[in-house]
């Protein structure tokens, strides 16, 4: 019924890990700040723990970071005031964020190397580009059934030749 806060608190009360994860994953990204803002303080530590665990397990990096960001922005003062109670869960949050950061750095480095490699490749000569259908200005050309060139308007929307003449 799109009552995400109610579903989340009830799943915490039932203490069913799979249900908690399912409810956590089902909250739309746009509603995360609202759910976090209205979250009773008693569930703060549990939700932080769930968000940290999901950040480690789930491939949804941005989604989990949205949860962690909303939790820390909204409840940061309460967490700071009760540092001793939240020390363990904050270490797990820090580990999860560090893992995500390292993964993003690794992917960025890999992508940079791939881009450098692709940019270092020699460009095809003009004749080769024309032979594959891209001549001056990127205009597509094709061949009709008699070996004569067709312009864009004579070709199909997918760039393929339409029928025989």
Protein backbone atom coordinates (compact mmCIF):
# COMPACT_ATOMS: atom_id res chain seq x y z
CA UNK A 1 0.00 0.00 0.00
CA UNK A 2 3.07 2.24 -0.33
CA UNK A 3 3.23 2.73 3.44
CA UNK A 4 6.97 2.16 3.53
CA UNK A 5 7.64 3.41 7.05
CA UNK A 6 4.91 1.23 8.49
CA UNK A 7 6.18 -1.78 6.53
CA UNK A 8 9.73 -1.16 7.71
CA UNK A 9 8.83 -0.80 11.39
CA UNK A 10 6.59 -3.88 11.25
CA UNK A 11 9.37 -5.90 9.62
CA UNK A 12 11.69 -4.81 12.44
CA UNK A 13 9.08 -5.91 14.98
CA UNK A 14 8.76 -9.30 13.27
CA UNK A 15 12.56 -9.54 13.24
CA UNK A 16 12.57 -11.42 9.91
CA UNK A 17 15.84 -10.64 8.12
CA UNK A 18 14.54 -11.51 4.63
CA UNK A 19 11.43 -9.41 5.14
CA UNK A 20 13.48 -6.47 6.43
CA UNK A 21 15.75 -6.68 3.37
CA UNK A 22 12.75 -6.94 1.04
CA UNK A 23 11.05 -3.89 2.56
CA UNK A 24 14.35 -1.96 2.55
CA UNK A 25 14.89 -2.72 -1.15
CA UNK A 26 11.29 -1.87 -2.08
CA UNK A 27 11.35 1.72 -0.82
CA UNK A 28 11.62 4.05 -3.85
CA UNK A 29 14.74 6.23 -3.86
CA UNK A 30 12.62 9.39 -3.84
CA UNK A 31 10.88 8.29 -0.60
CA UNK A 32 14.01 7.38 1.35
CA UNK A 33 14.48 10.83 2.99
CA UNK A 34 10.82 10.88 4.10
CA UNK A 35 10.99 7.37 5.57
CA UNK A 36 14.24 8.19 7.39
CA UNK A 37 12.89 11.48 8.71
CA UNK A 38 9.83 9.78 10.23
CA UNK A 39 11.73 6.73 11.52
CA UNK A 40 11.37 6.24 15.29
CA UNK A 41 14.73 6.57 17.03
CA UNK A 42 14.47 3.10 18.49
CA UNK A 43 14.97 1.61 15.00
CA UNK A 44 17.88 3.84 14.00
CA UNK A 45 20.65 1.42 14.95
CA UNK A 46 18.91 -1.51 13.27
CA UNK A 47 18.32 0.42 10.06
CA UNK A 48 21.94 1.58 10.01
CA UNK A 49 23.01 -2.04 10.44
CA UNK A 50 20.70 -3.17 7.61
CA UNK A 51 21.92 -0.36 5.31
CA UNK A 52 25.56 -1.24 6.00
CA UNK A 53 24.90 -4.94 5.37
CA UNK A 54 23.00 -4.18 2.16
CA UNK A 55 25.83 -1.91 0.99
CA UNK A 56 28.18 -4.89 1.38
CA UNK A 57 25.88 -7.46 -0.24
CA UNK A 58 23.78 -5.62 -2.80
CA UNK A 59 24.98 -4.39 -6.19
CA UNK A 60 22.75 -1.30 -5.83
CA UNK A 61 25.52 1.10 -4.79
CA UNK A 62 23.72 4.39 -5.25
CA UNK A 63 20.55 3.14 -3.57
CA UNK A 64 22.44 2.05 -0.46
CA UNK A 65 24.45 5.25 -0.36
CA UNK A 66 21.18 7.21 -0.52
CA UNK A 67 19.96 5.32 2.55
CA UNK A 68 23.20 5.91 4.46
CA UNK A 69 23.34 9.56 3.47
CA UNK A 70 19.73 10.18 4.53
CA UNK A 71 20.28 8.38 7.84
CA UNK A 72 23.42 10.32 8.68
CA UNK A 73 22.02 13.68 7.58
CA UNK A 74 18.76 13.27 9.47
CA UNK A 75 19.97 11.48 12.60
CA UNK A 76 23.61 12.61 12.72
CA UNK A 77 23.14 14.67 15.87
CA UNK A 78 21.54 11.75 17.76
CA UNK A 79 24.31 9.42 16.60
CA UNK A 80 26.98 11.86 17.74
CA UNK A 81 25.31 12.40 21.12
CA UNK A 82 25.22 8.63 21.71
CA UNK A 83 28.57 7.71 20.15
CA UNK A 84 29.15 4.78 22.49
CA UNK A 85 25.90 3.07 21.51
CA UNK A 86 26.47 3.54 17.80
CA UNK A 87 30.24 2.87 17.68
CA UNK A 88 29.98 -0.70 16.40
CA UNK A 89 27.34 0.00 13.76
CA UNK A 90 29.19 3.11 12.58
CA UNK A 91 32.34 1.02 12.06
CA UNK A 92 30.34 -1.34 9.85
CA UNK A 93 28.92 1.67 7.96
CA UNK A 94 32.46 2.99 7.50
CA UNK A 95 33.66 -0.41 6.22
CA UNK A 96 30.76 -0.55 3.75
CA UNK A 97 31.36 2.98 2.46
CA UNK A 98 35.10 2.30 2.15
CA UNK A 99 34.39 -0.86 0.16
CA UNK A 100 32.07 1.04 -2.17
CA UNK A 101 34.67 3.79 -2.55
CA UNK A 102 37.39 1.27 -3.40
CA UNK A 103 35.13 -0.45 -5.92
CA UNK A 104 34.29 2.84 -7.63
CA UNK A 105 37.98 3.83 -7.71
CA UNK A 106 38.88 0.47 -9.26
CA UNK A 107 36.16 0.81 -11.91
CA UNK A 108 37.20 4.39 -12.64
CA UNK A 109 40.82 3.36 -13.11
CA UNK A 110 39.78 0.46 -15.34
CA UNK A 111 37.55 2.74 -17.43
CA UNK A 112 40.33 5.34 -17.72
CA UNK A 113 42.73 2.70 -19.01
CA UNK A 114 40.14 1.46 -21.50
CA UNK A 115 39.48 4.99 -22.77
CA UNK A 116 43.22 5.67 -23.11
CA UNK A 117 43.63 2.43 -25.06
CA UNK A 118 40.73 3.25 -27.39
CA UNK A 119 41.95 6.78 -28.00
CA UNK A 120 45.43 5.47 -28.84
CA UNK A 121 44.04 3.27 -31.63
CA UNK A 122 44.68 4.57 -35.14
CA UNK A 123 41.68 6.02 -36.94
CA UNK A 124 40.39 4.26 -40.03
CA UNK A 125 41.16 5.97 -43.31
CA UNK A 126 38.35 7.78 -45.12
CA UNK A 127 37.98 4.99 -47.72
CA UNK A 128 37.41 2.42 -44.98
CA UNK A 129 34.73 4.59 -43.35
CA UNK A 130 32.99 5.04 -46.70
CA UNK A 131 33.11 1.30 -47.40
CA UNK A 132 31.16 0.57 -44.22
CA UNK A 133 28.53 3.19 -45.06
CA UNK A 134 29.82 6.34 -43.38
CA UNK A 135 31.19 8.91 -45.75
CA UNK A 136 31.28 12.67 -45.55
CA UNK A 137 29.45 14.07 -42.56
CA UNK A 138 28.40 10.68 -41.25
CA UNK A 139 25.71 10.18 -43.96
CA UNK A 140 24.76 6.52 -44.19
CA UNK A 141 24.87 4.91 -47.59
CA UNK A 142 23.84 1.48 -48.72
CA UNK A 143 23.75 -0.47 -51.96
CA UNK A 144 20.70 -1.44 -53.94
CA UNK A 145 20.35 -4.79 -55.69
CA UNK A 146 22.40 -3.52 -58.69
CA UNK A 147 25.42 -2.26 -56.74
CA UNK A 148 24.31 1.38 -56.85
CA UNK A 149 24.37 3.53 -53.72
CA UNK A 150 21.18 4.41 -51.84
CA UNK A 151 20.84 7.59 -49.77
CA UNK A 152 19.31 7.67 -46.26
CA UNK A 153 15.77 8.33 -47.49
CA UNK A 154 15.87 5.25 -49.74
CA UNK A 155 17.02 3.02 -46.87
CA UNK A 156 14.85 1.67 -44.03
CA UNK A 157 14.75 3.24 -40.60
CA UNK A 158 17.24 0.66 -39.39
CA UNK A 159 19.65 1.49 -42.20
CA UNK A 160 18.90 -1.69 -44.13
CA UNK A 161 17.91 -1.95 -47.77
CA UNK A 162 14.17 -2.27 -48.44
CA UNK A 163 13.20 -4.83 -51.08
CA UNK A 164 14.46 -5.39 -54.61
CA UNK A 165 14.05 -2.95 -57.50
